[in-house]
Amino acid sequence: MAKTGSILFLLSVLCISGAATSQLSSKETSFVKISCKSTTYPPLCLLSLLSYATQIRRNPRQMALVALSVSLSRAQSTESFMSKMKRFRNLKPREYKAVADCWDLMDDSVERISKSIREMKNIGQGKGRDISFQISNVQTWVSAALTNHNTCLDGFADKALNGKVKDSVNAQVVNAVKITSNALALVNQFAKRY
């Protein structure tokens, strides 16, 4: 039943995004589609970014910025989820430790992705600012956020933690990993221009 529900949800999202896509110009959507091909998870990239095609405007910097914003939103949502998980009374001590560690990591990820967005917005602005240094900062911070996401997952690798808590955390964090990985790929794609 859950599998059927997931399939129906995915189909409805694809139909909605397809309807939204038909209202966008083909040049705008084409740029997003081509850019997403260079990411690790192209279908998820399309699903998460296609509705922003008019905002992206065939601009690689804007594409990276929007992808980072989507990644930040996903990280904030995951951080909030982990905060709620910490308050569950029925957590075993090892589950609580893994959840608390994951919450700390997600909190750090939110900060790093936020810094990345601020730096991307300021690239090339200001006298004497080194664009390659600014891009390197963004790449470093997004990579660190991605490492945090994966470290969170590693905290639940022990088979003794198998169960509903681990499954719930994995579902949230794996999505954040994929979204952030795509954002990093789009930042790297933008970086190649410099």
N, C-alpha and C. Protein backbone atom coordinates (compact mmCIF):
# COMPACT_ATOMS: atom_id res chain seq x y z
N MET A 1 0.82 -1.20 0.00
CA MET A 1 0.00 0.00 0.00
C MET A 1 0.86 1.26 0.00
N ALA A 2 1.92 1.26 0.87
CA ALA A 2 2.78 2.43 0.93
C ALA A 2 3.50 2.66 -0.39
N LYS A 3 3.91 1.56 -1.03
CA LYS A 3 4.60 1.66 -2.31
C LYS A 3 3.67 2.25 -3.37
N THR A 4 2.41 1.82 -3.38
CA THR A 4 1.43 2.34 -4.32
C THR A 4 1.20 3.83 -4.08
N GLY A 5 1.11 4.20 -2.80
CA GLY A 5 0.92 5.62 -2.46
C GLY A 5 2.08 6.46 -2.94
N SER A 6 3.30 5.95 -2.78
CA SER A 6 4.49 6.68 -3.22
C SER A 6 4.50 6.85 -4.73
N ILE A 7 4.10 5.80 -5.43
CA ILE A 7 4.07 5.87 -6.90
C ILE A 7 3.02 6.88 -7.35
N LEU A 8 1.85 6.84 -6.72
CA LEU A 8 0.80 7.81 -7.08
C LEU A 8 1.23 9.24 -6.78
N PHE A 9 1.91 9.44 -5.66
CA PHE A 9 2.40 10.77 -5.32
C PHE A 9 3.40 11.25 -6.37
N LEU A 10 4.34 10.39 -6.73
CA LEU A 10 5.35 10.77 -7.73
C LEU A 10 4.70 11.09 -9.07
N LEU A 11 3.73 10.29 -9.47
CA LEU A 11 3.03 10.56 -10.73
C LEU A 11 2.29 11.89 -10.70
N SER A 12 1.65 12.20 -9.56
CA SER A 12 0.93 13.47 -9.47
C SER A 12 1.90 14.65 -9.51
N VAL A 13 3.06 14.50 -8.86
CA VAL A 13 4.07 15.57 -8.90
C VAL A 13 4.57 15.77 -10.32
N LEU A 14 4.83 14.67 -11.01
CA LEU A 14 5.31 14.77 -12.39
C LEU A 14 4.26 15.41 -13.30
N CYS A 15 2.99 15.09 -13.09
CA CYS A 15 1.92 15.70 -13.88
C CYS A 15 1.83 17.19 -13.61
N ILE A 16 1.93 17.57 -12.33
CA ILE A 16 1.87 18.98 -11.98
C ILE A 16 3.06 19.72 -12.57
N SER A 17 4.27 19.13 -12.42
CA SER A 17 5.44 19.81 -12.98
C SER A 17 5.37 19.84 -14.50
N GLY A 18 4.77 18.82 -15.12
CA GLY A 18 4.59 18.83 -16.57
C GLY A 18 3.66 19.93 -17.01
N ALA A 19 2.59 20.14 -16.25
CA ALA A 19 1.65 21.23 -16.57
C ALA A 19 2.33 22.58 -16.39
N ALA A 20 3.12 22.71 -15.33
CA ALA A 20 3.82 23.98 -15.10
C ALA A 20 4.86 24.21 -16.19
N THR A 21 5.50 23.14 -16.64
CA THR A 21 6.51 23.24 -17.67
C THR A 21 5.92 23.73 -18.99
N SER A 22 4.73 23.28 -19.30
CA SER A 22 4.13 23.67 -20.57
C SER A 22 3.84 25.17 -20.62
N GLN A 23 3.75 25.82 -19.46
CA GLN A 23 3.50 27.26 -19.41
C GLN A 23 4.80 28.07 -19.50
N LEU A 24 5.93 27.42 -19.33
CA LEU A 24 7.22 28.11 -19.40
C LEU A 24 7.74 28.08 -20.82
N SER A 25 8.62 29.00 -21.12
CA SER A 25 9.19 29.01 -22.46
C SER A 25 10.13 27.83 -22.64
N SER A 26 10.23 27.35 -23.85
CA SER A 26 11.07 26.19 -24.11
C SER A 26 12.55 26.51 -23.88
N LYS A 27 12.97 27.76 -24.08
CA LYS A 27 14.36 28.13 -23.84
C LYS A 27 14.68 28.04 -22.35
N GLU A 28 13.74 28.50 -21.52
CA GLU A 28 13.97 28.47 -20.07
C GLU A 28 14.04 27.04 -19.57
N THR A 29 13.09 26.23 -19.98
CA THR A 29 13.07 24.84 -19.51
C THR A 29 14.23 24.04 -20.10
N SER A 30 14.59 24.34 -21.32
CA SER A 30 15.70 23.64 -21.97
C SER A 30 17.00 23.88 -21.20
N PHE A 31 17.23 25.09 -20.76
CA PHE A 31 18.44 25.40 -20.00
C PHE A 31 18.48 24.58 -18.70
N VAL A 32 17.35 24.51 -18.01
CA VAL A 32 17.30 23.74 -16.76
C VAL A 32 17.55 22.26 -17.05
N LYS A 33 16.92 21.74 -18.09
CA LYS A 33 17.09 20.32 -18.44
C LYS A 33 18.54 20.00 -18.79
N ILE A 34 19.16 20.85 -19.59
CA ILE A 34 20.56 20.64 -19.98
C ILE A 34 21.47 20.73 -18.75
N SER A 35 21.23 21.72 -17.90
CA SER A 35 22.05 21.90 -16.70
C SER A 35 21.91 20.70 -15.76
N CYS A 36 20.71 20.19 -15.61
CA CYS A 36 20.46 19.07 -14.70
C CYS A 36 21.12 17.78 -15.17
N LYS A 37 21.41 17.67 -16.45
CA LYS A 37 22.06 16.46 -16.96
C LYS A 37 23.44 16.26 -16.34
N SER A 38 24.08 17.33 -15.89
CA SER A 38 25.43 17.23 -15.33
C SER A 38 25.41 16.93 -13.82
N THR A 39 24.22 16.77 -13.25
CA THR A 39 24.14 16.50 -11.82
C THR A 39 24.14 15.00 -11.55
N THR A 40 24.27 14.64 -10.30
CA THR A 40 24.28 13.24 -9.91
C THR A 40 22.89 12.61 -10.00
N TYR A 41 21.86 13.41 -9.75
CA TYR A 41 20.48 12.93 -9.74
C TYR A 41 19.63 13.80 -10.66
N PRO A 42 19.78 13.63 -11.99
CA PRO A 42 19.08 14.50 -12.94
C PRO A 42 17.55 14.55 -12.78
N PRO A 43 16.86 13.42 -12.57
CA PRO A 43 15.39 13.53 -12.43
C PRO A 43 14.98 14.37 -11.22
N LEU A 44 15.69 14.21 -10.10
CA LEU A 44 15.39 15.01 -8.92
C LEU A 44 15.74 16.48 -9.16
N CYS A 45 16.81 16.72 -9.87
CA CYS A 45 17.19 18.09 -10.23
C CYS A 45 16.06 18.75 -11.01
N LEU A 46 15.58 18.06 -12.02
CA LEU A 46 14.47 18.60 -12.82
C LEU A 46 13.23 18.84 -11.96
N LEU A 47 12.90 17.86 -11.14
CA LEU A 47 11.71 17.96 -10.30
C LEU A 47 11.81 19.14 -9.34
N SER A 48 13.01 19.38 -8.80
CA SER A 48 13.15 20.44 -7.80
C SER A 48 13.42 21.82 -8.39
N LEU A 49 13.87 21.90 -9.64
CA LEU A 49 14.28 23.20 -10.19
C LEU A 49 13.48 23.68 -11.39
N LEU A 50 12.78 22.80 -12.06
CA LEU A 50 12.09 23.19 -13.29
C LEU A 50 11.06 24.30 -13.06
N SER A 51 10.41 24.28 -11.92
CA SER A 51 9.40 25.32 -11.65
C SER A 51 10.04 26.70 -11.44
N TYR A 52 11.36 26.75 -11.29
CA TYR A 52 12.07 28.02 -11.12
C TYR A 52 12.70 28.51 -12.42
N ALA A 53 12.36 27.89 -13.54
CA ALA A 53 13.00 28.20 -14.82
C ALA A 53 12.94 29.68 -15.17
N THR A 54 11.81 30.34 -14.90
CA THR A 54 11.72 31.77 -15.23
C THR A 54 12.61 32.61 -14.33
N GLN A 55 12.82 32.16 -13.11
CA GLN A 55 13.72 32.86 -12.20
C GLN A 55 15.18 32.62 -12.58
N ILE A 56 15.47 31.44 -13.08
CA ILE A 56 16.84 31.08 -13.46
C ILE A 56 17.29 31.83 -14.71
N ARG A 57 16.38 32.03 -15.66
CA ARG A 57 16.62 32.83 -16.86
C ARG A 57 17.87 32.43 -17.66
N ARG A 58 18.11 31.16 -17.80
CA ARG A 58 19.27 30.69 -18.57
C ARG A 58 20.59 31.28 -18.07
N ASN A 59 20.69 31.49 -16.77
CA ASN A 59 21.86 32.09 -16.14
C ASN A 59 22.50 31.07 -15.20
N PRO A 60 23.72 30.60 -15.49
CA PRO A 60 24.36 29.58 -14.66
C PRO A 60 24.53 29.99 -13.19
N ARG A 61 24.83 31.25 -12.97
CA ARG A 61 24.96 31.72 -11.58
C ARG A 61 23.61 31.64 -10.86
N GLN A 62 22.55 32.07 -11.55
CA GLN A 62 21.22 32.03 -10.97
C GLN A 62 20.78 30.57 -10.75
N MET A 63 21.16 29.71 -11.67
CA MET A 63 20.85 28.28 -11.54
C MET A 63 21.49 27.73 -10.26
N ALA A 64 22.74 28.05 -10.03
CA ALA A 64 23.44 27.59 -8.83
C ALA A 64 22.80 28.18 -7.57
N LEU A 65 22.45 29.46 -7.64
CA LEU A 65 21.81 30.11 -6.49
C LEU A 65 20.46 29.47 -6.14
N VAL A 66 19.66 29.22 -7.13
CA VAL A 66 18.36 28.58 -6.89
C VAL A 66 18.56 27.18 -6.33
N ALA A 67 19.51 26.43 -6.89
CA ALA A 67 19.79 25.07 -6.40
C ALA A 67 20.25 25.12 -4.95
N LEU A 68 21.07 26.10 -4.60
CA LEU A 68 21.50 26.25 -3.21
C LEU A 68 20.33 26.60 -2.30
N SER A 69 19.42 27.43 -2.79
CA SER A 69 18.25 27.80 -1.99
C SER A 69 17.36 26.59 -1.74
N VAL A 70 17.19 25.76 -2.75
CA VAL A 70 16.40 24.53 -2.58
C VAL A 70 17.11 23.60 -1.59
N SER A 71 18.43 23.52 -1.69
CA SER A 71 19.20 22.70 -0.76
C SER A 71 19.06 23.22 0.67
N LEU A 72 19.11 24.54 0.83
CA LEU A 72 18.95 25.13 2.16
C LEU A 72 17.58 24.80 2.73
N SER A 73 16.57 24.93 1.93
CA SER A 73 15.21 24.61 2.37
C SER A 73 15.11 23.15 2.82
N ARG A 74 15.71 22.25 2.05
CA ARG A 74 15.70 20.82 2.39
C ARG A 74 16.48 20.58 3.68
N ALA A 75 17.63 21.23 3.84
CA ALA A 75 18.44 21.07 5.06
C ALA A 75 17.69 21.61 6.28
N GLN A 76 17.02 22.74 6.13
CA GLN A 76 16.24 23.31 7.23
C GLN A 76 15.10 22.38 7.62
N SER A 77 14.45 21.82 6.64
CA SER A 77 13.36 20.88 6.90
C SER A 77 13.88 19.64 7.63
N THR A 78 15.03 19.14 7.21
CA THR A 78 15.63 17.96 7.84
C THR A 78 16.08 18.29 9.26
N GLU A 79 16.65 19.47 9.44
CA GLU A 79 17.06 19.90 10.78
C GLU A 79 15.84 19.97 11.71
N SER A 80 14.75 20.52 11.23
CA SER A 80 13.52 20.61 12.01
C SER A 80 12.99 19.21 12.35
N PHE A 81 13.03 18.32 11.38
CA PHE A 81 12.61 16.94 11.60
C PHE A 81 13.45 16.30 12.70
N MET A 82 14.77 16.49 12.64
CA MET A 82 15.67 15.90 13.64
C MET A 82 15.42 16.50 15.02
N SER A 83 15.11 17.77 15.07
CA SER A 83 14.79 18.43 16.34
C SER A 83 13.55 17.79 16.97
N LYS A 84 12.56 17.51 16.16
CA LYS A 84 11.34 16.85 16.66
C LYS A 84 11.64 15.42 17.10
N MET A 85 12.50 14.73 16.33
CA MET A 85 12.86 13.35 16.67
C MET A 85 13.55 13.29 18.04
N LYS A 86 14.36 14.30 18.34
CA LYS A 86 15.07 14.32 19.63
C LYS A 86 14.10 14.32 20.81
N ARG A 87 12.89 14.80 20.61
CA ARG A 87 11.92 14.92 21.69
C ARG A 87 11.08 13.66 21.89
N PHE A 88 11.23 12.67 21.02
CA PHE A 88 10.48 11.43 21.19
C PHE A 88 10.92 10.75 22.48
N ARG A 89 9.98 10.36 23.27
CA ARG A 89 10.29 9.75 24.57
C ARG A 89 10.71 8.29 24.45
N ASN A 90 10.33 7.63 23.38
CA ASN A 90 10.59 6.20 23.26
C ASN A 90 11.90 5.87 22.55
N LEU A 91 12.75 6.86 22.35
CA LEU A 91 14.03 6.58 21.71
C LEU A 91 14.94 5.80 22.65
N LYS A 92 15.60 4.82 22.09
CA LYS A 92 16.63 4.10 22.86
C LYS A 92 17.83 5.03 23.00
N PRO A 93 18.67 4.81 24.01
CA PRO A 93 19.83 5.71 24.20
C PRO A 93 20.71 5.86 22.94
N ARG A 94 20.96 4.77 22.23
CA ARG A 94 21.80 4.85 21.02
C ARG A 94 21.08 5.60 19.91
N GLU A 95 19.76 5.44 19.82
CA GLU A 95 18.99 6.19 18.83
C GLU A 95 19.03 7.67 19.15
N TYR A 96 18.85 8.00 20.42
CA TYR A 96 18.87 9.40 20.82
C TYR A 96 20.22 10.03 20.47
N LYS A 97 21.31 9.33 20.76
CA LYS A 97 22.65 9.85 20.47
C LYS A 97 22.81 10.09 18.97
N ALA A 98 22.39 9.12 18.16
CA ALA A 98 22.51 9.25 16.70
C ALA A 98 21.64 10.40 16.18
N VAL A 99 20.43 10.53 16.72
CA VAL A 99 19.53 11.61 16.32
C VAL A 99 20.11 12.96 16.73
N ALA A 100 20.61 13.05 17.96
CA ALA A 100 21.18 14.32 18.44
C ALA A 100 22.41 14.72 17.62
N ASP A 101 23.25 13.74 17.30
CA ASP A 101 24.43 14.02 16.47
C ASP A 101 23.99 14.49 15.08
N CYS A 102 22.99 13.83 14.54
CA CYS A 102 22.49 14.20 13.21
C CYS A 102 21.91 15.61 13.23
N TRP A 103 21.19 15.95 14.29
CA TRP A 103 20.63 17.29 14.41
C TRP A 103 21.76 18.33 14.40
N ASP A 104 22.84 18.07 15.17
CA ASP A 104 23.99 18.99 15.18
C ASP A 104 24.59 19.14 13.78
N LEU A 105 24.72 18.03 13.09
CA LEU A 105 25.29 18.06 11.75
C LEU A 105 24.40 18.84 10.79
N MET A 106 23.09 18.63 10.88
CA MET A 106 22.17 19.35 10.00
C MET A 106 22.16 20.85 10.33
N ASP A 107 22.28 21.17 11.60
CA ASP A 107 22.36 22.58 12.00
C ASP A 107 23.59 23.24 11.37
N ASP A 108 24.70 22.54 11.41
CA ASP A 108 25.92 23.05 10.79
C ASP A 108 25.76 23.16 9.27
N SER A 109 25.08 22.19 8.67
CA SER A 109 24.83 22.23 7.22
C SER A 109 24.01 23.45 6.83
N VAL A 110 22.99 23.74 7.62
CA VAL A 110 22.16 24.92 7.34
C VAL A 110 23.03 26.18 7.34
N GLU A 111 23.92 26.27 8.31
CA GLU A 111 24.80 27.45 8.40
C GLU A 111 25.73 27.53 7.19
N ARG A 112 26.30 26.41 6.80
CA ARG A 112 27.25 26.39 5.67
C ARG A 112 26.56 26.71 4.34
N ILE A 113 25.37 26.16 4.14
CA ILE A 113 24.66 26.43 2.89
C ILE A 113 24.20 27.89 2.86
N SER A 114 23.81 28.42 4.02
CA SER A 114 23.43 29.84 4.10
C SER A 114 24.62 30.73 3.73
N LYS A 115 25.80 30.40 4.26
CA LYS A 115 27.01 31.16 3.91
C LYS A 115 27.30 31.06 2.41
N SER A 116 27.08 29.90 1.85
CA SER A 116 27.31 29.68 0.42
C SER A 116 26.41 30.58 -0.42
N ILE A 117 25.15 30.67 -0.01
CA ILE A 117 24.20 31.51 -0.74
C ILE A 117 24.64 32.97 -0.67
N ARG A 118 25.02 33.42 0.52
CA ARG A 118 25.48 34.82 0.66
C ARG A 118 26.71 35.08 -0.21
N GLU A 119 27.63 34.13 -0.23
CA GLU A 119 28.86 34.29 -1.03
C GLU A 119 28.54 34.29 -2.53
N MET A 120 27.64 33.40 -2.95
CA MET A 120 27.25 33.36 -4.38
C MET A 120 26.62 34.68 -4.81
N LYS A 121 25.83 35.26 -3.94
CA LYS A 121 25.18 36.53 -4.26
C LYS A 121 26.21 37.65 -4.41
N ASN A 122 27.33 37.53 -3.70
CA ASN A 122 28.34 38.59 -3.71
C ASN A 122 29.49 38.34 -4.68
N ILE A 123 29.42 37.26 -5.44
CA ILE A 123 30.52 36.95 -6.36
C ILE A 123 30.71 38.09 -7.35
N GLY A 124 31.95 38.55 -7.42
CA GLY A 124 32.30 39.61 -8.36
C GLY A 124 31.94 41.01 -7.91
N GLN A 125 31.32 41.14 -6.76
CA GLN A 125 30.96 42.47 -6.26
C GLN A 125 32.02 42.94 -5.29
N GLY A 126 32.24 44.20 -5.30
CA GLY A 126 33.23 44.78 -4.41
C GLY A 126 34.59 44.84 -5.07
N LYS A 127 35.29 45.89 -4.78
CA LYS A 127 36.61 46.11 -5.38
C LYS A 127 37.62 45.12 -4.82
N GLY A 128 38.40 44.54 -5.70
CA GLY A 128 39.47 43.65 -5.28
C GLY A 128 39.02 42.28 -4.83
N ARG A 129 37.76 41.95 -5.03
CA ARG A 129 37.27 40.62 -4.64
C ARG A 129 37.72 39.59 -5.67
N ASP A 130 38.31 38.53 -5.22
CA ASP A 130 38.79 37.47 -6.09
C ASP A 130 37.66 36.46 -6.33
N ILE A 131 37.15 36.44 -7.56
CA ILE A 131 36.01 35.59 -7.89
C ILE A 131 36.33 34.12 -7.67
N SER A 132 37.51 33.68 -8.06
CA SER A 132 37.84 32.26 -7.89
C SER A 132 37.91 31.88 -6.41
N PHE A 133 38.35 32.80 -5.57
CA PHE A 133 38.38 32.55 -4.12
C PHE A 133 36.96 32.44 -3.58
N GLN A 134 36.07 33.31 -4.06
CA GLN A 134 34.69 33.27 -3.61
C GLN A 134 34.01 31.96 -4.03
N ILE A 135 34.24 31.55 -5.26
CA ILE A 135 33.66 30.30 -5.75
C ILE A 135 34.22 29.12 -4.95
N SER A 136 35.50 29.16 -4.67
CA SER A 136 36.13 28.11 -3.87
C SER A 136 35.48 28.02 -2.48
N ASN A 137 35.17 29.17 -1.89
CA ASN A 137 34.49 29.17 -0.59
C ASN A 137 33.14 28.45 -0.70
N VAL A 138 32.38 28.80 -1.72
CA VAL A 138 31.07 28.18 -1.91
C VAL A 138 31.22 26.67 -2.07
N GLN A 139 32.15 26.25 -2.91
CA GLN A 139 32.35 24.81 -3.12
C GLN A 139 32.74 24.11 -1.82
N THR A 140 33.61 24.73 -1.05
CA THR A 140 34.06 24.14 0.21
C THR A 140 32.91 24.01 1.20
N TRP A 141 32.11 25.05 1.34
CA TRP A 141 31.01 25.03 2.31
C TRP A 141 29.92 24.04 1.91
N VAL A 142 29.60 23.97 0.62
CA VAL A 142 28.57 23.02 0.18
C VAL A 142 29.10 21.59 0.31
N SER A 143 30.37 21.38 0.01
CA SER A 143 30.97 20.05 0.20
C SER A 143 30.93 19.64 1.67
N ALA A 144 31.21 20.59 2.55
CA ALA A 144 31.18 20.30 3.99
C ALA A 144 29.75 19.95 4.43
N ALA A 145 28.76 20.65 3.90
CA ALA A 145 27.36 20.34 4.21
C ALA A 145 27.02 18.93 3.74
N LEU A 146 27.47 18.59 2.55
CA LEU A 146 27.21 17.25 2.01
C LEU A 146 27.88 16.18 2.87
N THR A 147 29.09 16.46 3.32
CA THR A 147 29.78 15.54 4.23
C THR A 147 29.00 15.38 5.53
N ASN A 148 28.47 16.48 6.05
CA ASN A 148 27.64 16.40 7.26
C ASN A 148 26.44 15.49 7.05
N HIS A 149 25.76 15.65 5.92
CA HIS A 149 24.60 14.82 5.62
C HIS A 149 24.99 13.33 5.64
N ASN A 150 26.10 13.02 4.96
CA ASN A 150 26.55 11.63 4.89
C ASN A 150 27.01 11.10 6.24
N THR A 151 27.63 11.96 7.04
CA THR A 151 28.05 11.57 8.39
C THR A 151 26.84 11.24 9.25
N CYS A 152 25.77 12.00 9.06
CA CYS A 152 24.51 11.70 9.76
C CYS A 152 24.04 10.30 9.41
N LEU A 153 24.04 9.97 8.14
CA LEU A 153 23.62 8.64 7.72
C LEU A 153 24.53 7.56 8.30
N ASP A 154 25.83 7.85 8.35
CA ASP A 154 26.79 6.90 8.91
C ASP A 154 26.49 6.61 10.38
N GLY A 155 25.95 7.60 11.09
CA GLY A 155 25.61 7.41 12.50
C GLY A 155 24.51 6.40 12.73
N PHE A 156 23.77 6.06 11.68
CA PHE A 156 22.71 5.07 11.76
C PHE A 156 23.07 3.77 11.05
N ALA A 157 24.34 3.59 10.72
CA ALA A 157 24.77 2.42 9.95
C ALA A 157 24.72 1.13 10.75
N ASP A 158 24.85 1.22 12.06
CA ASP A 158 24.85 0.03 12.91
C ASP A 158 23.51 -0.70 12.81
N LYS A 159 23.57 -2.03 12.61
CA LYS A 159 22.35 -2.83 12.48
C LYS A 159 21.50 -2.78 13.74
N ALA A 160 22.12 -2.50 14.88
CA ALA A 160 21.37 -2.41 16.13
C ALA A 160 20.38 -1.25 16.11
N LEU A 161 20.58 -0.28 15.20
CA LEU A 161 19.69 0.87 15.09
C LEU A 161 18.58 0.66 14.06
N ASN A 162 18.55 -0.51 13.43
CA ASN A 162 17.50 -0.78 12.43
C ASN A 162 16.12 -0.62 13.07
N GLY A 163 15.22 -0.02 12.30
CA GLY A 163 13.86 0.16 12.78
C GLY A 163 13.24 1.42 12.21
N LYS A 164 12.11 1.81 12.78
CA LYS A 164 11.35 2.94 12.27
C LYS A 164 12.10 4.26 12.36
N VAL A 165 12.84 4.47 13.45
CA VAL A 165 13.58 5.73 13.62
C VAL A 165 14.63 5.85 12.51
N LYS A 166 15.40 4.80 12.32
CA LYS A 166 16.43 4.81 11.27
C LYS A 166 15.81 5.00 9.89
N ASP A 167 14.71 4.31 9.62
CA ASP A 167 14.05 4.44 8.33
C ASP A 167 13.56 5.86 8.08
N SER A 168 12.99 6.47 9.12
CA SER A 168 12.50 7.86 9.00
C SER A 168 13.64 8.84 8.76
N VAL A 169 14.71 8.67 9.52
CA VAL A 169 15.88 9.56 9.36
C VAL A 169 16.48 9.38 7.97
N ASN A 170 16.66 8.13 7.56
CA ASN A 170 17.25 7.88 6.24
C ASN A 170 16.44 8.52 5.13
N ALA A 171 15.13 8.41 5.21
CA ALA A 171 14.27 8.99 4.17
C ALA A 171 14.49 10.50 4.06
N GLN A 172 14.57 11.16 5.20
CA GLN A 172 14.78 12.61 5.21
C GLN A 172 16.17 12.99 4.72
N VAL A 173 17.17 12.34 5.27
CA VAL A 173 18.56 12.74 5.02
C VAL A 173 19.01 12.36 3.61
N VAL A 174 18.58 11.21 3.13
CA VAL A 174 18.97 10.81 1.76
C VAL A 174 18.47 11.84 0.76
N ASN A 175 17.26 12.34 0.96
CA ASN A 175 16.74 13.37 0.07
C ASN A 175 17.61 14.63 0.16
N ALA A 176 18.01 15.01 1.37
CA ALA A 176 18.88 16.18 1.53
C ALA A 176 20.23 15.95 0.86
N VAL A 177 20.76 14.75 0.96
CA VAL A 177 22.03 14.40 0.31
C VAL A 177 21.91 14.61 -1.21
N LYS A 178 20.84 14.09 -1.78
CA LYS A 178 20.67 14.18 -3.24
C LYS A 178 20.49 15.62 -3.70
N ILE A 179 19.67 16.38 -3.00
CA ILE A 179 19.43 17.79 -3.36
C ILE A 179 20.73 18.59 -3.25
N THR A 180 21.49 18.35 -2.17
CA THR A 180 22.74 19.09 -1.96
C THR A 180 23.81 18.66 -2.96
N SER A 181 23.85 17.39 -3.29
CA SER A 181 24.78 16.90 -4.30
C SER A 181 24.50 17.57 -5.64
N ASN A 182 23.23 17.68 -6.00
CA ASN A 182 22.87 18.37 -7.24
C ASN A 182 23.27 19.84 -7.20
N ALA A 183 23.05 20.49 -6.05
CA ALA A 183 23.43 21.90 -5.92
C ALA A 183 24.94 22.07 -6.10
N LEU A 184 25.71 21.18 -5.49
CA LEU A 184 27.17 21.25 -5.64
C LEU A 184 27.58 21.06 -7.10
N ALA A 185 26.95 20.13 -7.79
CA ALA A 185 27.25 19.91 -9.21
C ALA A 185 26.97 21.17 -10.03
N LEU A 186 25.90 21.87 -9.70
CA LEU A 186 25.56 23.10 -10.44
C LEU A 186 26.49 24.25 -10.08
N VAL A 187 26.95 24.29 -8.84
CA VAL A 187 27.96 25.28 -8.45
C VAL A 187 29.26 24.98 -9.21
N ASN A 188 29.64 23.71 -9.27
CA ASN A 188 30.85 23.33 -10.01
C ASN A 188 30.74 23.65 -11.49
N GLN A 189 29.55 23.47 -12.03
CA GLN A 189 29.30 23.80 -13.43
C GLN A 189 29.50 25.32 -13.65
N PHE A 190 28.98 26.12 -12.72
CA PHE A 190 29.17 27.57 -12.79
C PHE A 190 30.64 27.92 -12.64
N ALA A 191 31.35 27.23 -11.74
CA ALA A 191 32.77 27.52 -11.47
C ALA A 191 33.64 27.33 -12.70
N LYS A 192 33.25 26.42 -13.60
CA LYS A 192 34.06 26.16 -14.80
C LYS A 192 34.18 27.38 -15.69
N ARG A 193 33.30 28.34 -15.50
CA ARG A 193 33.35 29.56 -16.33
C ARG A 193 34.50 30.49 -15.88
N TYR A 194 35.07 30.24 -14.73
CA TYR A 194 36.12 31.14 -14.20
C TYR A 194 37.43 30.43 -14.12
